[in-house]
């Protein structure tokens, strides 16, 4: 399987502009015959908790149909970040598009204290099957909670997918942490980070992939948009595109 990790600079609060960015990178992934592509935390709006209530939507939003069409026509799984709303409140979510399947939504289950005034917790873990591989997503803060990694083992995960918005100091922590967890659980870990201003910090990119031995085998720069593609069959980065 070829899994692509996307790194983008979201246009804050502008869903149509961000859909265009997503479409561009999905098409790049398709050109490299990727089977799946995943984007950073709240990639369709930017990580902006204070305005997420105004921007929140759901997986059936018609503006997202272009991503479903790309998935259907090119047999690619797409995971894009979106604040979603229901009668319980607003959630930090990832909408999953798979070929000719109903859309699914995974919502962040473990929130940082700073997020609790704006969001409510998700309630259920989601596993994503792609070409015989099981991908388990985690969204930013919860990725750094040991109990979330424990759930990946219980779900039979082959790949842990971290969708984040992280500063440079946060990524320094992530490099050590995910290396340890990849080795501990014998999992491939793929991290998708954004670049540019997010809330009250600057997201630093450095989207990364660690192999099952905990070795960092691919990392993007701090200031570019693009994708990195990993081939799980040959256990190597086959293309980095920016």
Protein backbone atom coordinates (compact mmCIF):
# COMPACT_ATOMS: atom_id res chain seq x y z
CA UNK A 1 0.00 0.00 0.00
CA UNK A 2 1.11 3.56 -0.69
CA UNK A 3 0.07 6.06 1.99
CA UNK A 4 0.51 9.79 1.37
CA UNK A 5 0.93 12.34 4.15
CA UNK A 6 -0.13 15.88 3.24
CA UNK A 7 1.36 19.09 4.63
CA UNK A 8 -0.55 22.30 3.92
CA UNK A 9 -0.94 25.87 5.09
CA UNK A 10 -4.71 26.26 5.53
CA UNK A 11 -6.39 29.53 4.60
CA UNK A 12 -7.92 30.45 7.96
CA UNK A 13 -11.68 30.10 7.94
CA UNK A 14 -11.96 29.65 4.18
CA UNK A 15 -13.34 26.18 3.46
CA UNK A 16 -13.66 26.60 -0.35
CA UNK A 17 -10.04 27.76 -0.66
CA UNK A 18 -8.88 24.86 1.49
CA UNK A 19 -10.89 22.36 -0.53
CA UNK A 20 -8.98 23.63 -3.56
CA UNK A 21 -5.68 23.04 -1.75
CA UNK A 22 -6.82 19.55 -0.76
CA UNK A 23 -7.85 18.76 -4.31
CA UNK A 24 -4.45 19.80 -5.64
CA UNK A 25 -2.58 17.56 -3.22
CA UNK A 26 -4.97 14.63 -3.67
CA UNK A 27 -4.34 14.82 -7.40
CA UNK A 28 -0.59 14.75 -6.76
CA UNK A 29 -1.07 11.66 -4.60
CA UNK A 30 -3.16 10.05 -7.34
CA UNK A 31 -0.43 10.74 -9.89
CA UNK A 32 1.94 8.77 -7.64
CA UNK A 33 -0.58 5.91 -7.38
CA UNK A 34 -1.25 6.44 -3.68
CA UNK A 35 -3.96 4.36 -2.05
CA UNK A 36 -4.63 6.85 0.76
CA UNK A 37 -3.85 10.44 1.74
CA UNK A 38 -4.33 12.13 5.10
CA UNK A 39 -4.31 15.80 6.07
CA UNK A 40 -3.50 17.75 9.27
CA UNK A 41 -5.85 18.58 12.15
CA UNK A 42 -8.78 20.80 11.03
CA UNK A 43 -7.13 21.14 7.62
CA UNK A 44 -10.31 22.40 5.91
CA UNK A 45 -10.63 25.43 8.22
CA UNK A 46 -7.28 25.84 9.92
CA UNK A 47 -6.82 25.13 13.63
CA UNK A 48 -8.83 28.05 15.01
CA UNK A 49 -10.94 27.00 18.04
CA UNK A 50 -12.48 30.44 18.58
CA UNK A 51 -14.20 30.43 15.17
CA UNK A 52 -14.86 26.69 14.81
CA UNK A 53 -18.48 26.99 15.89
CA UNK A 54 -19.17 29.29 12.93
CA UNK A 55 -17.30 27.03 10.52
CA UNK A 56 -18.58 23.66 11.75
CA UNK A 57 -20.42 21.40 9.32
CA UNK A 58 -20.76 17.63 8.84
CA UNK A 59 -19.64 14.82 6.55
CA UNK A 60 -22.56 15.37 4.16
CA UNK A 61 -21.58 18.97 3.38
CA UNK A 62 -22.07 19.32 -0.39
CA UNK A 63 -18.85 21.31 -0.67
CA UNK A 64 -17.01 18.07 0.13
CA UNK A 65 -18.50 16.21 -2.83
CA UNK A 66 -15.41 16.96 -4.92
CA UNK A 67 -13.31 14.93 -2.49
CA UNK A 68 -15.76 12.03 -2.61
CA UNK A 69 -15.65 12.15 -6.42
CA UNK A 70 -11.85 12.01 -6.39
CA UNK A 71 -12.01 9.04 -4.04
CA UNK A 72 -14.59 7.18 -6.15
CA UNK A 73 -12.92 7.78 -9.50
CA UNK A 74 -9.35 7.07 -8.39
CA UNK A 75 -9.75 4.39 -5.71
CA UNK A 76 -8.11 6.50 -3.03
CA UNK A 77 -8.97 6.99 0.64
CA UNK A 78 -8.90 10.62 1.82
CA UNK A 79 -8.91 11.93 5.40
CA UNK A 80 -9.54 15.67 5.81
CA UNK A 81 -9.89 17.69 9.03
CA UNK A 82 -13.15 19.53 9.75
CA UNK A 83 -14.99 20.86 12.82
CA UNK A 84 -18.29 18.97 12.91
CA UNK A 85 -21.47 19.71 14.84
CA UNK A 86 -24.34 17.72 16.30
CA UNK A 87 -26.80 18.26 19.13
CA UNK A 88 -24.03 17.58 21.68
CA UNK A 89 -21.73 20.33 20.39
CA UNK A 90 -18.74 20.95 18.13
CA UNK A 91 -16.10 18.28 17.61
CA UNK A 92 -12.58 18.23 16.17
CA UNK A 93 -13.05 15.69 13.41
CA UNK A 94 -11.60 13.97 10.38
CA UNK A 95 -13.98 13.10 7.55
CA UNK A 96 -13.02 9.90 5.75
CA UNK A 97 -13.81 9.43 2.05
CA UNK A 98 -13.45 5.92 0.63
CA UNK A 99 -14.29 4.69 -2.87
CA UNK A 100 -18.00 4.07 -3.34
CA UNK A 101 -18.62 3.92 0.41
CA UNK A 102 -20.62 6.12 2.79
CA UNK A 103 -18.49 8.82 4.40
CA UNK A 104 -17.28 8.28 7.95
CA UNK A 105 -16.23 10.73 10.62
CA UNK A 106 -13.69 10.25 13.38
CA UNK A 107 -13.82 12.80 16.22
CA UNK A 108 -11.02 13.53 18.69
CA UNK A 109 -11.77 11.67 21.90
CA UNK A 110 -9.25 13.29 24.25
CA UNK A 111 -9.21 17.09 24.33
CA UNK A 112 -6.61 19.48 25.71
CA UNK A 113 -7.90 21.72 28.50
CA UNK A 114 -7.62 24.75 26.20
CA UNK A 115 -9.99 23.06 23.72
CA UNK A 116 -12.77 22.20 26.17
CA UNK A 117 -14.45 25.65 26.07
CA UNK A 118 -15.00 25.18 22.32
CA UNK A 119 -15.35 21.44 21.65
CA UNK A 120 -16.84 18.24 23.02
CA UNK A 121 -15.17 14.84 23.04
CA UNK A 122 -15.65 12.21 20.39
CA UNK A 123 -16.98 8.91 21.69
CA UNK A 124 -15.64 6.11 19.52
CA UNK A 125 -12.42 5.02 17.86
CA UNK A 126 -12.45 4.49 14.11
CA UNK A 127 -10.35 2.05 12.09
CA UNK A 128 -9.79 2.53 8.36
CA UNK A 129 -9.12 -0.47 6.12
CA UNK A 130 -7.05 0.17 2.99
CA UNK A 131 -5.73 -2.70 0.86
CA UNK A 132 -5.56 -5.09 3.79
CA UNK A 133 -3.88 -2.58 6.13
CA UNK A 134 -5.65 -1.18 9.21
CA UNK A 135 -5.06 2.54 9.82
CA UNK A 136 -6.05 4.02 13.18
CA UNK A 137 -6.26 7.83 13.35
CA UNK A 138 -5.48 10.05 16.31
CA UNK A 139 -5.84 13.83 16.37
CA UNK A 140 -3.07 15.92 17.94
CA UNK A 141 -3.29 16.05 21.78
CA UNK A 142 -4.74 12.57 22.14
CA UNK A 143 -1.87 11.09 20.13
CA UNK A 144 0.40 11.90 23.07
CA UNK A 145 -1.80 10.08 25.60
CA UNK A 146 -0.61 6.49 26.19
CA UNK A 147 -4.17 5.14 26.45
CA UNK A 148 -4.83 6.16 22.86
CA UNK A 149 -1.91 4.11 21.61
CA UNK A 150 -3.15 1.19 23.69
CA UNK A 151 -6.41 1.32 21.75
CA UNK A 152 -4.50 0.93 18.49
CA UNK A 153 -3.19 -2.41 19.65
CA UNK A 154 -6.68 -3.53 20.63
CA UNK A 155 -8.00 -2.55 17.20
CA UNK A 156 -5.32 -4.52 15.37
CA UNK A 157 -3.72 -1.47 13.79
CA UNK A 158 -0.92 -1.72 11.25
CA UNK A 159 -0.48 2.06 10.95
CA UNK A 160 -1.03 4.85 13.48
CA UNK A 161 -2.02 8.08 11.75
CA UNK A 162 -1.38 11.28 13.72
CA UNK A 163 -3.19 14.32 12.30
CA UNK A 164 -1.82 17.36 14.13
CA UNK A 165 -1.23 21.09 14.34
CA UNK A 166 2.10 21.38 16.15
CA UNK A 167 4.67 24.08 16.85
CA UNK A 168 8.42 23.50 16.56
CA UNK A 169 8.71 22.65 20.26
CA UNK A 170 5.76 20.26 19.95
CA UNK A 171 7.41 18.49 17.03
CA UNK A 172 10.63 18.05 18.98
CA UNK A 173 8.60 16.19 21.58
CA UNK A 174 6.80 14.23 18.85
CA UNK A 175 10.01 12.98 17.25
CA UNK A 176 11.12 11.21 20.41
CA UNK A 177 7.65 10.09 21.49
CA UNK A 178 6.54 8.55 18.20
CA UNK A 179 9.87 6.84 17.72
CA UNK A 180 9.39 5.11 21.09
CA UNK A 181 5.76 4.20 20.42
CA UNK A 182 6.42 2.85 16.94
CA UNK A 183 9.04 0.52 18.36
CA UNK A 184 7.01 -0.40 21.46
CA UNK A 185 3.91 -1.39 19.48
CA UNK A 186 5.63 -2.52 16.26
CA UNK A 187 3.56 0.01 14.30
CA UNK A 188 4.27 2.30 11.39
CA UNK A 189 3.55 5.86 12.54
CA UNK A 190 2.68 8.58 10.03
CA UNK A 191 2.26 12.20 11.12
CA UNK A 192 0.64 14.97 9.07
CA UNK A 193 1.28 18.52 10.33
CA UNK A 194 0.25 21.90 8.98
CA UNK A 195 2.38 25.00 8.45
CA UNK A 196 1.63 28.62 9.22
CA UNK A 197 -0.38 30.46 11.86
CA UNK A 198 -2.70 28.34 14.01
CA UNK A 199 -4.65 29.96 16.85
CA UNK A 200 -1.89 31.53 19.00
CA UNK A 201 1.11 29.63 17.62
CA UNK A 202 2.88 28.80 14.37
CA UNK A 203 2.63 25.24 13.07
CA UNK A 204 6.02 24.07 11.88
CA UNK A 205 5.44 21.28 9.36
CA UNK A 206 8.07 18.50 9.55
CA UNK A 207 5.44 15.89 8.68
CA UNK A 208 7.08 12.56 9.38
CA UNK A 209 7.02 8.78 9.07
CA UNK A 210 8.60 6.30 11.52
CA UNK A 211 8.98 2.63 10.68
CA UNK A 212 8.16 -0.26 13.00
CA UNK A 213 11.67 -0.14 14.47
CA UNK A 214 11.09 3.48 15.51
CA UNK A 215 13.44 4.88 12.88
CA UNK A 216 12.52 8.21 11.30
CA UNK A 217 12.50 7.33 7.60
CA UNK A 218 11.01 10.48 6.09
CA UNK A 219 10.41 14.08 7.12
CA UNK A 220 9.28 17.18 5.25
CA UNK A 221 10.65 20.70 5.66
CA UNK A 222 9.24 23.34 8.00
CA UNK A 223 7.84 25.74 5.43
CA UNK A 224 6.56 23.88 2.37
CA UNK A 225 3.26 22.47 1.24
CA UNK A 226 3.34 19.05 -0.36
CA UNK A 227 3.03 15.32 0.15
CA UNK A 228 5.26 12.45 1.18
CA UNK A 229 4.41 8.93 0.01
CA UNK A 230 5.42 5.73 1.79
CA UNK A 231 5.21 2.26 0.25
CA UNK A 232 4.45 -0.28 2.98
CA UNK A 233 5.28 -3.21 0.68
CA UNK A 234 8.92 -2.22 0.25
CA UNK A 235 9.16 -0.22 3.51
CA UNK A 236 10.54 2.98 2.02
CA UNK A 237 9.68 6.50 0.95
CA UNK A 238 8.98 6.36 -2.76
CA UNK A 239 8.41 10.04 -3.38
CA UNK A 240 8.51 13.35 -1.57
CA UNK A 241 6.72 16.09 -3.47
CA UNK A 242 6.52 19.75 -2.60
